[in-house]
Amino acid sequence: MCFYALHEILVIAFQNTPTFELGSKYTKEALLKILKTEIHVLPLLDREERIIHAQRFSGLRDSSDIPHAISAFVYNAEAIVAYDDHFKDISDVIPYMKPEEIID
């Protein structure tokens, strides 16, 4: 899991709760639960690395997802796991899966 994804968890929690306090609580609980799994936490890519690979993922409809795709590619991710089905557009480079497809 790249740092980009950790921030997305925070954003989702705050967007889906009625108060700042509850959003903060849910974010903390979600991050703790995730960090207790066997995932690898990876750093953000530097600017040069993003520039080198940006063209490969220019087909993504949402340009804010390009850093996620580049990170997944650079760090040899097995797949991009997301609810955003537009990642299907790059499934020839990185397989796309929905979260429920990877949960036992």
PDB file of N, CA and C in Angstrom:
ATOM      1  N   MET A   1       0.856  -1.165   0.000  1.00  0.00           N
ATOM      2  CA  MET A   1       0.000   0.000   0.000  1.00  0.00           C
ATOM      3  C   MET A   1       0.898   1.222   0.000  1.00  0.00           C
ATOM      4  N   CYS A   2       0.637   2.087  -0.911  1.00  0.00           N
ATOM      5  CA  CYS A   2       1.423   3.305  -0.998  1.00  0.00           C
ATOM      6  C   CYS A   2       0.790   4.381  -0.120  1.00  0.00           C
ATOM      7  N   PHE A   3       1.585   5.346   0.254  1.00  0.00           N
ATOM      8  CA  PHE A   3       1.096   6.433   1.088  1.00  0.00           C
ATOM      9  C   PHE A   3      -0.121   7.106   0.474  1.00  0.00           C
ATOM     10  N   TYR A   4      -0.187   7.178  -0.863  1.00  0.00           N
ATOM     11  CA  TYR A   4      -1.355   7.770  -1.514  1.00  0.00           C
ATOM     12  C   TYR A   4      -2.636   7.116  -1.021  1.00  0.00           C
ATOM     13  N   ALA A   5      -2.626   5.801  -0.917  1.00  0.00           N
ATOM     14  CA  ALA A   5      -3.812   5.060  -0.515  1.00  0.00           C
ATOM     15  C   ALA A   5      -4.168   5.347   0.944  1.00  0.00           C
ATOM     16  N   LEU A   6      -3.187   5.524   1.792  1.00  0.00           N
ATOM     17  CA  LEU A   6      -3.465   5.839   3.194  1.00  0.00           C
ATOM     18  C   LEU A   6      -4.206   7.170   3.303  1.00  0.00           C
ATOM     19  N   HIS A   7      -3.806   8.130   2.510  1.00  0.00           N
ATOM     20  CA  HIS A   7      -4.483   9.427   2.513  1.00  0.00           C
ATOM     21  C   HIS A   7      -5.915   9.302   2.005  1.00  0.00           C
ATOM     22  N   GLU A   8      -6.129   8.455   1.021  1.00  0.00           N
ATOM     23  CA  GLU A   8      -7.477   8.229   0.490  1.00  0.00           C
ATOM     24  C   GLU A   8      -8.406   7.716   1.589  1.00  0.00           C
ATOM     25  N   ILE A   9      -7.895   6.887   2.472  1.00  0.00           N
ATOM     26  CA  ILE A   9      -8.702   6.367   3.579  1.00  0.00           C
ATOM     27  C   ILE A   9      -9.168   7.514   4.462  1.00  0.00           C
ATOM     28  N   LEU A  10      -8.269   8.432   4.743  1.00  0.00           N
ATOM     29  CA  LEU A  10      -8.612   9.605   5.544  1.00  0.00           C
ATOM     30  C   LEU A  10      -9.708  10.411   4.853  1.00  0.00           C
ATOM     31  N   VAL A  11      -9.545  10.665   3.579  1.00  0.00           N
ATOM     32  CA  VAL A  11     -10.521  11.452   2.832  1.00  0.00           C
ATOM     33  C   VAL A  11     -11.897  10.792   2.852  1.00  0.00           C
ATOM     34  N   ILE A  12     -11.939   9.498   2.599  1.00  0.00           N
ATOM     35  CA  ILE A  12     -13.211   8.771   2.589  1.00  0.00           C
ATOM     36  C   ILE A  12     -13.884   8.838   3.955  1.00  0.00           C
ATOM     37  N   ALA A  13     -13.120   8.655   5.004  1.00  0.00           N
ATOM     38  CA  ALA A  13     -13.698   8.698   6.356  1.00  0.00           C
ATOM     39  C   ALA A  13     -14.305  10.068   6.651  1.00  0.00           C
ATOM     40  N   PHE A  14     -13.595  11.126   6.296  1.00  0.00           N
ATOM     41  CA  PHE A  14     -14.109  12.467   6.582  1.00  0.00           C
ATOM     42  C   PHE A  14     -15.295  12.835   5.699  1.00  0.00           C
ATOM     43  N   GLN A  15     -15.326  12.331   4.468  1.00  0.00           N
ATOM     44  CA  GLN A  15     -16.442  12.635   3.574  1.00  0.00           C
ATOM     45  C   GLN A  15     -17.719  11.887   3.949  1.00  0.00           C
ATOM     46  N   ASN A  16     -17.585  10.821   4.697  1.00  0.00           N
ATOM     47  CA  ASN A  16     -18.740   9.973   4.989  1.00  0.00           C
ATOM     48  C   ASN A  16     -19.162   9.962   6.449  1.00  0.00           C
ATOM     49  N   THR A  17     -18.757  10.964   7.185  1.00  0.00           N
ATOM     50  CA  THR A  17     -19.182  11.076   8.576  1.00  0.00           C
ATOM     51  C   THR A  17     -19.745  12.472   8.812  1.00  0.00           C
ATOM     52  N   PRO A  18     -20.687  12.586   9.730  1.00  0.00           N
ATOM     53  CA  PRO A  18     -21.337  13.886   9.939  1.00  0.00           C
ATOM     54  C   PRO A  18     -20.502  14.907  10.709  1.00  0.00           C
ATOM     55  N   THR A  19     -19.478  14.444  11.446  1.00  0.00           N
ATOM     56  CA  THR A  19     -18.693  15.399  12.230  1.00  0.00           C
ATOM     57  C   THR A  19     -17.196  15.153  12.034  1.00  0.00           C
ATOM     58  N   PHE A  20     -16.426  16.179  12.275  1.00  0.00           N
ATOM     59  CA  PHE A  20     -14.965  16.073  12.189  1.00  0.00           C
ATOM     60  C   PHE A  20     -14.447  15.035  13.178  1.00  0.00           C
ATOM     61  N   GLU A  21     -14.992  15.055  14.391  1.00  0.00           N
ATOM     62  CA  GLU A  21     -14.531  14.130  15.430  1.00  0.00           C
ATOM     63  C   GLU A  21     -14.769  12.677  15.032  1.00  0.00           C
ATOM     64  N   LEU A  22     -15.934  12.401  14.479  1.00  0.00           N
ATOM     65  CA  LEU A  22     -16.247  11.038  14.065  1.00  0.00           C
ATOM     66  C   LEU A  22     -15.362  10.627  12.874  1.00  0.00           C
ATOM     67  N   GLY A  23     -15.143  11.542  11.945  1.00  0.00           N
ATOM     68  CA  GLY A  23     -14.255  11.255  10.819  1.00  0.00           C
ATOM     69  C   GLY A  23     -12.853  10.928  11.291  1.00  0.00           C
ATOM     70  N   SER A  24     -12.380  11.673  12.264  1.00  0.00           N
ATOM     71  CA  SER A  24     -11.054  11.433  12.825  1.00  0.00           C
ATOM     72  C   SER A  24     -10.989  10.066  13.509  1.00  0.00           C
ATOM     73  N   LYS A  25     -12.038   9.742  14.239  1.00  0.00           N
ATOM     74  CA  LYS A  25     -12.083   8.446  14.927  1.00  0.00           C
ATOM     75  C   LYS A  25     -12.075   7.292  13.923  1.00  0.00           C
ATOM     76  N   TYR A  26     -12.912   7.378  12.903  1.00  0.00           N
ATOM     77  CA  TYR A  26     -12.991   6.308  11.902  1.00  0.00           C
ATOM     78  C   TYR A  26     -11.692   6.169  11.111  1.00  0.00           C
ATOM     79  N   THR A  27     -11.067   7.309  10.820  1.00  0.00           N
ATOM     80  CA  THR A  27      -9.787   7.267  10.109  1.00  0.00           C
ATOM     81  C   THR A  27      -8.754   6.507  10.925  1.00  0.00           C
ATOM     82  N   LYS A  28      -8.649   6.839  12.192  1.00  0.00           N
ATOM     83  CA  LYS A  28      -7.672   6.196  13.058  1.00  0.00           C
ATOM     84  C   LYS A  28      -7.940   4.696  13.163  1.00  0.00           C
ATOM     85  N   GLU A  29      -9.198   4.321  13.359  1.00  0.00           N
ATOM     86  CA  GLU A  29      -9.545   2.900  13.462  1.00  0.00           C
ATOM     87  C   GLU A  29      -9.226   2.152  12.170  1.00  0.00           C
ATOM     88  N   ALA A  30      -9.546   2.750  11.036  1.00  0.00           N
ATOM     89  CA  ALA A  30      -9.282   2.104   9.749  1.00  0.00           C
ATOM     90  C   ALA A  30      -7.786   1.942   9.515  1.00  0.00           C
ATOM     91  N   LEU A  31      -7.021   2.987   9.787  1.00  0.00           N
ATOM     92  CA  LEU A  31      -5.573   2.908   9.577  1.00  0.00           C
ATOM     93  C   LEU A  31      -4.929   1.870  10.489  1.00  0.00           C
ATOM     94  N   LEU A  32      -5.337   1.838  11.743  1.00  0.00           N
ATOM     95  CA  LEU A  32      -4.785   0.848  12.664  1.00  0.00           C
ATOM     96  C   LEU A  32      -5.086  -0.573  12.195  1.00  0.00           C
ATOM     97  N   LYS A  33      -6.322  -0.787  11.747  1.00  0.00           N
ATOM     98  CA  LYS A  33      -6.715  -2.114  11.274  1.00  0.00           C
ATOM     99  C   LYS A  33      -5.896  -2.515  10.047  1.00  0.00           C
ATOM    100  N   ILE A  34      -5.740  -1.601   9.127  1.00  0.00           N
ATOM    101  CA  ILE A  34      -4.978  -1.883   7.903  1.00  0.00           C
ATOM    102  C   ILE A  34      -3.505  -2.122   8.216  1.00  0.00           C
ATOM    103  N   LEU A  35      -2.927  -1.300   9.046  1.00  0.00           N
ATOM    104  CA  LEU A  35      -1.498  -1.411   9.344  1.00  0.00           C
ATOM    105  C   LEU A  35      -1.150  -2.670  10.136  1.00  0.00           C
ATOM    106  N   LYS A  36      -2.141  -3.311  10.719  1.00  0.00           N
ATOM    107  CA  LYS A  36      -1.903  -4.571  11.433  1.00  0.00           C
ATOM    108  C   LYS A  36      -1.893  -5.776  10.491  1.00  0.00           C
ATOM    109  N   THR A  37      -2.188  -5.550   9.215  1.00  0.00           N
ATOM    110  CA  THR A  37      -2.167  -6.644   8.238  1.00  0.00           C
ATOM    111  C   THR A  37      -0.747  -6.829   7.712  1.00  0.00           C
ATOM    112  N   GLU A  38      -0.599  -7.701   6.751  1.00  0.00           N
ATOM    113  CA  GLU A  38       0.716  -8.014   6.169  1.00  0.00           C
ATOM    114  C   GLU A  38       1.113  -7.093   5.015  1.00  0.00           C
ATOM    115  N   ILE A  39       0.448  -5.961   4.872  1.00  0.00           N
ATOM    116  CA  ILE A  39       0.764  -5.078   3.756  1.00  0.00           C
ATOM    117  C   ILE A  39       2.149  -4.462   3.918  1.00  0.00           C
ATOM    118  N   HIS A  40       2.674  -4.004   2.808  1.00  0.00           N
ATOM    119  CA  HIS A  40       3.912  -3.225   2.810  1.00  0.00           C
ATOM    120  C   HIS A  40       3.515  -1.779   2.601  1.00  0.00           C
ATOM    121  N   VAL A  41       4.012  -0.893   3.425  1.00  0.00           N
ATOM    122  CA  VAL A  41       3.746   0.529   3.264  1.00  0.00           C
ATOM    123  C   VAL A  41       4.911   1.115   2.483  1.00  0.00           C
ATOM    124  N   LEU A  42       4.584   1.761   1.372  1.00  0.00           N
ATOM    125  CA  LEU A  42       5.603   2.262   0.457  1.00  0.00           C
ATOM    126  C   LEU A  42       5.567   3.785   0.403  1.00  0.00           C
ATOM    127  N   PRO A  43       6.708   4.406   0.143  1.00  0.00           N
ATOM    128  CA  PRO A  43       6.766   5.871   0.117  1.00  0.00           C
ATOM    129  C   PRO A  43       6.169   6.445  -1.166  1.00  0.00           C
ATOM    130  N   LEU A  44       5.918   7.744  -1.132  1.00  0.00           N
ATOM    131  CA  LEU A  44       5.528   8.464  -2.336  1.00  0.00           C
ATOM    132  C   LEU A  44       6.692   8.444  -3.317  1.00  0.00           C
ATOM    133  N   LEU A  45       6.366   8.501  -4.583  1.00  0.00           N
ATOM    134  CA  LEU A  45       7.415   8.567  -5.598  1.00  0.00           C
ATOM    135  C   LEU A  45       7.911   9.997  -5.732  1.00  0.00           C
ATOM    136  N   ASP A  46       9.158  10.135  -6.145  1.00  0.00           N
ATOM    137  CA  ASP A  46       9.651  11.483  -6.366  1.00  0.00           C
ATOM    138  C   ASP A  46       9.144  12.010  -7.713  1.00  0.00           C
ATOM    139  N   ARG A  47       9.296  13.287  -7.918  1.00  0.00           N
ATOM    140  CA  ARG A  47       8.773  13.958  -9.107  1.00  0.00           C
ATOM    141  C   ARG A  47       9.316  13.342 -10.392  1.00  0.00           C
ATOM    142  N   GLU A  48      10.590  13.060 -10.419  1.00  0.00           N
ATOM    143  CA  GLU A  48      11.223  12.505 -11.613  1.00  0.00           C
ATOM    144  C   GLU A  48      10.609  11.155 -11.988  1.00  0.00           C
ATOM    145  N   GLU A  49      10.391  10.312 -11.005  1.00  0.00           N
ATOM    146  CA  GLU A  49       9.799   8.997 -11.254  1.00  0.00           C
ATOM    147  C   GLU A  49       8.384   9.137 -11.815  1.00  0.00           C
ATOM    148  N   ARG A  50       7.625  10.099 -11.287  1.00  0.00           N
ATOM    149  CA  ARG A  50       6.270  10.324 -11.801  1.00  0.00           C
ATOM    150  C   ARG A  50       6.307  10.805 -13.243  1.00  0.00           C
ATOM    151  N   ILE A  51       7.229  11.684 -13.561  1.00  0.00           N
ATOM    152  CA  ILE A  51       7.342  12.216 -14.928  1.00  0.00           C
ATOM    153  C   ILE A  51       7.716  11.107 -15.910  1.00  0.00           C
ATOM    154  N   ILE A  52       8.650  10.260 -15.510  1.00  0.00           N
ATOM    155  CA  ILE A  52       9.116   9.176 -16.382  1.00  0.00           C
ATOM    156  C   ILE A  52       7.960   8.256 -16.787  1.00  0.00           C
ATOM    157  N   HIS A  53       7.043   7.986 -15.882  1.00  0.00           N
ATOM    158  CA  HIS A  53       5.990   7.006 -16.128  1.00  0.00           C
ATOM    159  C   HIS A  53       4.619   7.605 -16.432  1.00  0.00           C
ATOM    160  N   ALA A  54       4.471   8.902 -16.360  1.00  0.00           N
ATOM    161  CA  ALA A  54       3.148   9.525 -16.507  1.00  0.00           C
ATOM    162  C   ALA A  54       2.490   9.207 -17.844  1.00  0.00           C
ATOM    163  N   GLN A  55       3.228   9.207 -18.910  1.00  0.00           N
ATOM    164  CA  GLN A  55       2.654   8.977 -20.231  1.00  0.00           C
ATOM    165  C   GLN A  55       2.002   7.590 -20.331  1.00  0.00           C
ATOM    166  N   ARG A  56       2.588   6.625 -19.688  1.00  0.00           N
ATOM    167  CA  ARG A  56       2.062   5.252 -19.725  1.00  0.00           C
ATOM    168  C   ARG A  56       0.623   5.192 -19.204  1.00  0.00           C
ATOM    169  N   PHE A  57       0.257   6.101 -18.319  1.00  0.00           N
ATOM    170  CA  PHE A  57      -1.057   6.067 -17.679  1.00  0.00           C
ATOM    171  C   PHE A  57      -1.937   7.267 -18.050  1.00  0.00           C
ATOM    172  N   SER A  58      -1.602   7.925 -19.121  1.00  0.00           N
ATOM    173  CA  SER A  58      -2.365   9.098 -19.544  1.00  0.00           C
ATOM    174  C   SER A  58      -3.788   8.751 -19.968  1.00  0.00           C
ATOM    175  N   GLY A  59      -4.073   7.473 -20.187  1.00  0.00           N
ATOM    176  CA  GLY A  59      -5.415   7.037 -20.559  1.00  0.00           C
ATOM    177  C   GLY A  59      -6.407   7.031 -19.410  1.00  0.00           C
ATOM    178  N   LEU A  60      -5.936   7.249 -18.199  1.00  0.00           N
ATOM    179  CA  LEU A  60      -6.854   7.286 -17.056  1.00  0.00           C
ATOM    180  C   LEU A  60      -7.737   8.527 -17.144  1.00  0.00           C
ATOM    181  N   ARG A  61      -9.023   8.343 -16.958  1.00  0.00           N
ATOM    182  CA  ARG A  61      -9.978   9.459 -17.043  1.00  0.00           C
ATOM    183  C   ARG A  61      -9.803  10.470 -15.914  1.00  0.00           C
ATOM    184  N   ASP A  62      -9.367  10.002 -14.755  1.00  0.00           N
ATOM    185  CA  ASP A  62      -9.181  10.881 -13.598  1.00  0.00           C
ATOM    186  C   ASP A  62      -7.687  11.041 -13.367  1.00  0.00           C
ATOM    187  N   SER A  63      -7.160  12.203 -13.698  1.00  0.00           N
ATOM    188  CA  SER A  63      -5.715  12.412 -13.596  1.00  0.00           C
ATOM    189  C   SER A  63      -5.200  12.292 -12.165  1.00  0.00           C
ATOM    190  N   SER A  64      -6.084  12.439 -11.171  1.00  0.00           N
ATOM    191  CA  SER A  64      -5.622  12.299  -9.783  1.00  0.00           C
ATOM    192  C   SER A  64      -5.278  10.848  -9.452  1.00  0.00           C
ATOM    193  N   ASP A  65      -5.679   9.912 -10.305  1.00  0.00           N
ATOM    194  CA  ASP A  65      -5.352   8.504 -10.082  1.00  0.00           C
ATOM    195  C   ASP A  65      -4.024   8.091 -10.715  1.00  0.00           C
ATOM    196  N   ILE A  66      -3.440   8.957 -11.505  1.00  0.00           N
ATOM    197  CA  ILE A  66      -2.170   8.627 -12.154  1.00  0.00           C
ATOM    198  C   ILE A  66      -1.072   8.313 -11.137  1.00  0.00           C
ATOM    199  N   PRO A  67      -0.914   9.089 -10.055  1.00  0.00           N
ATOM    200  CA  PRO A  67       0.121   8.725  -9.069  1.00  0.00           C
ATOM    201  C   PRO A  67      -0.083   7.328  -8.482  1.00  0.00           C
ATOM    202  N   HIS A  68      -1.342   6.921  -8.278  1.00  0.00           N
ATOM    203  CA  HIS A  68      -1.624   5.572  -7.762  1.00  0.00           C
ATOM    204  C   HIS A  68      -1.146   4.523  -8.766  1.00  0.00           C
ATOM    205  N   ALA A  69      -1.478   4.743 -10.020  1.00  0.00           N
ATOM    206  CA  ALA A  69      -1.101   3.788 -11.060  1.00  0.00           C
ATOM    207  C   ALA A  69       0.419   3.704 -11.214  1.00  0.00           C
ATOM    208  N   ILE A  70       1.068   4.838 -11.204  1.00  0.00           N
ATOM    209  CA  ILE A  70       2.533   4.844 -11.340  1.00  0.00           C
ATOM    210  C   ILE A  70       3.172   4.118 -10.161  1.00  0.00           C
ATOM    211  N   SER A  71       2.705   4.395  -8.963  1.00  0.00           N
ATOM    212  CA  SER A  71       3.258   3.721  -7.784  1.00  0.00           C
ATOM    213  C   SER A  71       3.061   2.215  -7.878  1.00  0.00           C
ATOM    214  N   ALA A  72       1.872   1.805  -8.271  1.00  0.00           N
ATOM    215  CA  ALA A  72       1.599   0.369  -8.407  1.00  0.00           C
ATOM    216  C   ALA A  72       2.543  -0.262  -9.423  1.00  0.00           C
ATOM    217  N   PHE A  73       2.775   0.419 -10.512  1.00  0.00           N
ATOM    218  CA  PHE A  73       3.662  -0.090 -11.557  1.00  0.00           C
ATOM    219  C   PHE A  73       5.109  -0.155 -11.077  1.00  0.00           C
ATOM    220  N   VAL A  74       5.594   0.934 -10.515  1.00  0.00           N
ATOM    221  CA  VAL A  74       6.993   1.014 -10.070  1.00  0.00           C
ATOM    222  C   VAL A  74       7.295  -0.005  -8.979  1.00  0.00           C
ATOM    223  N   TYR A  75       6.343  -0.196  -8.064  1.00  0.00           N
ATOM    224  CA  TYR A  75       6.559  -1.122  -6.951  1.00  0.00           C
ATOM    225  C   TYR A  75       6.083  -2.547  -7.256  1.00  0.00           C
ATOM    226  N   ASN A  76       5.782  -2.815  -8.533  1.00  0.00           N
ATOM    227  CA  ASN A  76       5.399  -4.163  -8.987  1.00  0.00           C
ATOM    228  C   ASN A  76       4.192  -4.732  -8.241  1.00  0.00           C
ATOM    229  N   ALA A  77       3.172  -3.918  -8.088  1.00  0.00           N
ATOM    230  CA  ALA A  77       1.954  -4.392  -7.433  1.00  0.00           C
ATOM    231  C   ALA A  77       1.316  -5.503  -8.257  1.00  0.00           C
ATOM    232  N   GLU A  78       0.697  -6.432  -7.570  1.00  0.00           N
ATOM    233  CA  GLU A  78      -0.008  -7.522  -8.253  1.00  0.00           C
ATOM    234  C   GLU A  78      -1.264  -7.005  -8.939  1.00  0.00           C
ATOM    235  N   ALA A  79      -1.868  -5.950  -8.372  1.00  0.00           N
ATOM    236  CA  ALA A  79      -3.088  -5.371  -8.933  1.00  0.00           C
ATOM    237  C   ALA A  79      -3.355  -4.027  -8.273  1.00  0.00           C
ATOM    238  N   ILE A  80      -4.196  -3.248  -8.926  1.00  0.00           N
ATOM    239  CA  ILE A  80      -4.754  -2.054  -8.298  1.00  0.00           C
ATOM    240  C   ILE A  80      -6.119  -2.465  -7.779  1.00  0.00           C
ATOM    241  N   VAL A  81      -6.330  -2.260  -6.493  1.00  0.00           N
ATOM    242  CA  VAL A  81      -7.596  -2.624  -5.871  1.00  0.00           C
ATOM    243  C   VAL A  81      -8.333  -1.328  -5.563  1.00  0.00           C
ATOM    244  N   ALA A  82      -9.515  -1.175  -6.172  1.00  0.00           N
ATOM    245  CA  ALA A  82     -10.262   0.075  -6.010  1.00  0.00           C
ATOM    246  C   ALA A  82     -11.710  -0.134  -6.406  1.00  0.00           C
ATOM    247  N   TYR A  83     -12.554   0.777  -5.959  1.00  0.00           N
ATOM    248  CA  TYR A  83     -13.934   0.801  -6.429  1.00  0.00           C
ATOM    249  C   TYR A  83     -14.039   1.581  -7.739  1.00  0.00           C
ATOM    250  N   ASP A  84     -13.024   2.373  -8.044  1.00  0.00           N
ATOM    251  CA  ASP A  84     -13.005   3.165  -9.271  1.00  0.00           C
ATOM    252  C   ASP A  84     -12.771   2.255 -10.467  1.00  0.00           C
ATOM    253  N   ASP A  85     -13.834   1.953 -11.196  1.00  0.00           N
ATOM    254  CA  ASP A  85     -13.680   1.000 -12.290  1.00  0.00           C
ATOM    255  C   ASP A  85     -12.942   1.573 -13.494  1.00  0.00           C
ATOM    256  N   HIS A  86     -12.642   2.869 -13.469  1.00  0.00           N
ATOM    257  CA  HIS A  86     -11.869   3.401 -14.596  1.00  0.00           C
ATOM    258  C   HIS A  86     -10.432   2.896 -14.605  1.00  0.00           C
ATOM    259  N   PHE A  87     -10.003   2.236 -13.523  1.00  0.00           N
ATOM    260  CA  PHE A  87      -8.683   1.595 -13.545  1.00  0.00           C
ATOM    261  C   PHE A  87      -8.669   0.416 -14.530  1.00  0.00           C
ATOM    262  N   LYS A  88      -9.852  -0.011 -14.958  1.00  0.00           N
ATOM    263  CA  LYS A  88      -9.918  -1.040 -16.001  1.00  0.00           C
ATOM    264  C   LYS A  88      -9.218  -0.564 -17.271  1.00  0.00           C
ATOM    265  N   ASP A  89      -9.197   0.756 -17.466  1.00  0.00           N
ATOM    266  CA  ASP A  89      -8.587   1.325 -18.667  1.00  0.00           C
ATOM    267  C   ASP A  89      -7.090   1.040 -18.770  1.00  0.00           C
ATOM    268  N   ILE A  90      -6.472   0.668 -17.664  1.00  0.00           N
ATOM    269  CA  ILE A  90      -5.029   0.368 -17.690  1.00  0.00           C
ATOM    270  C   ILE A  90      -4.762  -1.071 -17.271  1.00  0.00           C
ATOM    271  N   SER A  91      -5.789  -1.906 -17.327  1.00  0.00           N
ATOM    272  CA  SER A  91      -5.623  -3.290 -16.871  1.00  0.00           C
ATOM    273  C   SER A  91      -4.658  -4.092 -17.743  1.00  0.00           C
ATOM    274  N   ASP A  92      -4.312  -3.577 -18.907  1.00  0.00           N
ATOM    275  CA  ASP A  92      -3.292  -4.237 -19.718  1.00  0.00           C
ATOM    276  C   ASP A  92      -1.895  -4.031 -19.140  1.00  0.00           C
ATOM    277  N   VAL A  93      -1.751  -3.021 -18.270  1.00  0.00           N
ATOM    278  CA  VAL A  93      -0.467  -2.727 -17.618  1.00  0.00           C
ATOM    279  C   VAL A  93      -0.460  -3.259 -16.192  1.00  0.00           C
ATOM    280  N   ILE A  94      -1.553  -3.014 -15.467  1.00  0.00           N
ATOM    281  CA  ILE A  94      -1.694  -3.454 -14.072  1.00  0.00           C
ATOM    282  C   ILE A  94      -3.105  -4.012 -13.907  1.00  0.00           C
ATOM    283  N   PRO A  95      -3.245  -5.252 -13.471  1.00  0.00           N
ATOM    284  CA  PRO A  95      -4.592  -5.805 -13.275  1.00  0.00           C
ATOM    285  C   PRO A  95      -5.406  -4.969 -12.291  1.00  0.00           C
ATOM    286  N   TYR A  96      -6.706  -4.888 -12.542  1.00  0.00           N
ATOM    287  CA  TYR A  96      -7.622  -4.156 -11.696  1.00  0.00           C
ATOM    288  C   TYR A  96      -8.548  -5.142 -10.985  1.00  0.00           C
ATOM    289  N   MET A  97      -8.760  -4.918  -9.683  1.00  0.00           N
ATOM    290  CA  MET A  97      -9.667  -5.748  -8.894  1.00  0.00           C
ATOM    291  C   MET A  97     -10.488  -4.856  -7.980  1.00  0.00           C
ATOM    292  N   LYS A  98     -11.708  -5.282  -7.691  1.00  0.00           N
ATOM    293  CA  LYS A  98     -12.528  -4.608  -6.711  1.00  0.00           C
ATOM    294  C   LYS A  98     -12.163  -5.169  -5.330  1.00  0.00           C
ATOM    295  N   PRO A  99     -12.328  -4.386  -4.276  1.00  0.00           N
ATOM    296  CA  PRO A  99     -11.967  -4.870  -2.933  1.00  0.00           C
ATOM    297  C   PRO A  99     -12.602  -6.198  -2.561  1.00  0.00           C
ATOM    298  N   GLU A 100     -13.870  -6.391  -2.908  1.00  0.00           N
ATOM    299  CA  GLU A 100     -14.529  -7.640  -2.524  1.00  0.00           C
ATOM    300  C   GLU A 100     -13.933  -8.861  -3.228  1.00  0.00           C
ATOM    301  N   GLU A 101     -13.176  -8.646  -4.301  1.00  0.00           N
ATOM    302  CA  GLU A 101     -12.553  -9.749  -4.999  1.00  0.00           C
ATOM    303  C   GLU A 101     -11.304 -10.283  -4.278  1.00  0.00           C
ATOM    304  N   ILE A 102     -10.757  -9.505  -3.359  1.00  0.00           N
ATOM    305  CA  ILE A 102      -9.549  -9.948  -2.667  1.00  0.00           C
ATOM    306  C   ILE A 102      -9.790 -10.349  -1.219  1.00  0.00           C
ATOM    307  N   ILE A 103     -10.998 -10.110  -0.744  1.00  0.00           N
ATOM    308  CA  ILE A 103     -11.329 -10.445   0.650  1.00  0.00           C
ATOM    309  C   ILE A 103     -11.789 -11.890   0.719  1.00  0.00           C
ATOM    310  N   ASP A 104     -11.224 -12.629   1.635  1.00  0.00           N
ATOM    311  CA  ASP A 104     -11.621 -14.033   1.812  1.00  0.00           C
ATOM    312  C   ASP A 104     -13.040 -14.161   2.279  1.00  0.00           C
TER     313      ASP A 104
END
